[in-house]
């Protein structure tokens, strides 16, 4: 197998494993994803940010037998973070 064939096979394999991007307007983020976006530990997001009255409200999907993990609309989280931009 040539080097070009190997690269093509690897590219095909990667393409089959990648998930399509979900638009931010509809994507739902958990504390881990919000933490990555805000460059903060997910525990900090959960304990110190999500409890703020201005933080976007959680979306809780129904589950059988318990409370689901809170999810947040990505667009709302981004808008919330951007609202703290310094004004010159």
Protein backbone atom coordinates (compact mmCIF):
# COMPACT_ATOMS: atom_id res chain seq x y z
CA UNK A 1 0.00 0.00 0.00
CA UNK A 2 1.36 3.39 -0.96
CA UNK A 3 1.64 6.31 1.43
CA UNK A 4 -1.10 8.16 -0.50
CA UNK A 5 -3.44 5.14 -0.17
CA UNK A 6 -2.76 4.95 3.55
CA UNK A 7 -3.48 8.66 4.02
CA UNK A 8 -6.71 8.34 2.03
CA UNK A 9 -7.82 5.36 4.14
CA UNK A 10 -7.03 7.26 7.35
CA UNK A 11 -8.94 10.30 6.12
CA UNK A 12 -11.96 8.12 5.29
CA UNK A 13 -11.81 6.45 8.71
CA UNK A 14 -11.66 9.82 10.47
CA UNK A 15 -14.55 11.20 8.46
CA UNK A 16 -16.68 8.20 9.44
CA UNK A 17 -15.92 8.76 13.14
CA UNK A 18 -16.53 12.53 13.29
CA UNK A 19 -19.97 13.70 14.33
CA UNK A 20 -21.57 16.54 12.43
CA UNK A 21 -21.43 19.88 14.21
CA UNK A 22 -24.63 20.95 15.95
CA UNK A 23 -25.47 24.63 15.43
CA UNK A 24 -24.91 26.70 18.60
CA UNK A 25 -28.45 28.03 18.35
CA UNK A 26 -29.82 24.58 19.23
CA UNK A 27 -26.92 22.76 20.91
CA UNK A 28 -27.27 21.79 24.57
CA UNK A 29 -24.25 21.99 26.86
CA UNK A 30 -23.59 20.31 30.18
CA UNK A 31 -21.38 21.72 32.93
CA UNK A 32 -18.28 20.13 31.40
CA UNK A 33 -18.85 21.78 28.02
CA UNK A 34 -19.68 25.13 29.62
CA UNK A 35 -16.53 24.86 31.72
CA UNK A 36 -14.45 24.24 28.61
CA UNK A 37 -16.00 27.26 26.88
CA UNK A 38 -15.55 29.54 29.90
CA UNK A 39 -12.08 28.14 30.72
CA UNK A 40 -13.32 27.17 34.18
CA UNK A 41 -13.58 23.91 36.09
CA UNK A 42 -17.04 22.32 35.62
CA UNK A 43 -17.46 22.27 39.41
CA UNK A 44 -16.92 26.04 39.50
CA UNK A 45 -19.59 26.48 36.83
CA UNK A 46 -22.00 24.28 38.79
CA UNK A 47 -21.33 25.76 42.24
CA UNK A 48 -20.62 29.43 41.54
CA UNK A 49 -22.07 30.42 38.18
CA UNK A 50 -25.17 28.35 37.45
CA UNK A 51 -26.72 29.49 40.73
CA UNK A 52 -26.54 33.17 39.72
CA UNK A 53 -29.97 34.66 38.91
CA UNK A 54 -28.66 35.95 35.58
CA UNK A 55 -27.33 32.56 34.43
CA UNK A 56 -29.48 30.88 31.74
CA UNK A 57 -32.15 28.55 33.05
CA UNK A 58 -31.51 24.83 32.83
CA UNK A 59 -33.26 22.43 30.51
CA UNK A 60 -34.09 19.16 32.24
CA UNK A 61 -35.13 16.36 29.95
CA UNK A 62 -37.50 13.77 31.38
CA UNK A 63 -35.97 10.52 32.57
CA UNK A 64 -37.46 7.46 34.15
CA UNK A 65 -36.85 7.29 37.86
CA UNK A 66 -34.83 10.38 38.57
CA UNK A 67 -33.70 13.87 37.83
CA UNK A 68 -31.78 14.42 34.66
CA UNK A 69 -28.52 16.30 34.41
CA UNK A 70 -29.16 19.98 33.69
CA UNK A 71 -28.41 21.12 30.17
CA UNK A 72 -28.15 24.67 28.91
CA UNK A 73 -28.70 26.22 25.52
CA UNK A 74 -25.24 27.00 24.14
CA UNK A 75 -26.37 30.26 22.54
CA UNK A 76 -27.81 31.47 25.86
CA UNK A 77 -24.58 30.65 27.73
CA UNK A 78 -22.50 32.49 25.14
CA UNK A 79 -24.79 35.53 25.31
CA UNK A 80 -24.61 35.45 29.11
CA UNK A 81 -20.80 35.40 29.06
CA UNK A 82 -20.65 38.16 26.45
CA UNK A 83 -22.89 40.36 28.62
CA UNK A 84 -19.92 40.72 30.97
CA UNK A 85 -17.69 42.27 28.32
CA UNK A 86 -16.00 45.39 29.66
CA UNK A 87 -17.29 48.67 28.33
CA UNK A 88 -14.65 51.26 27.58
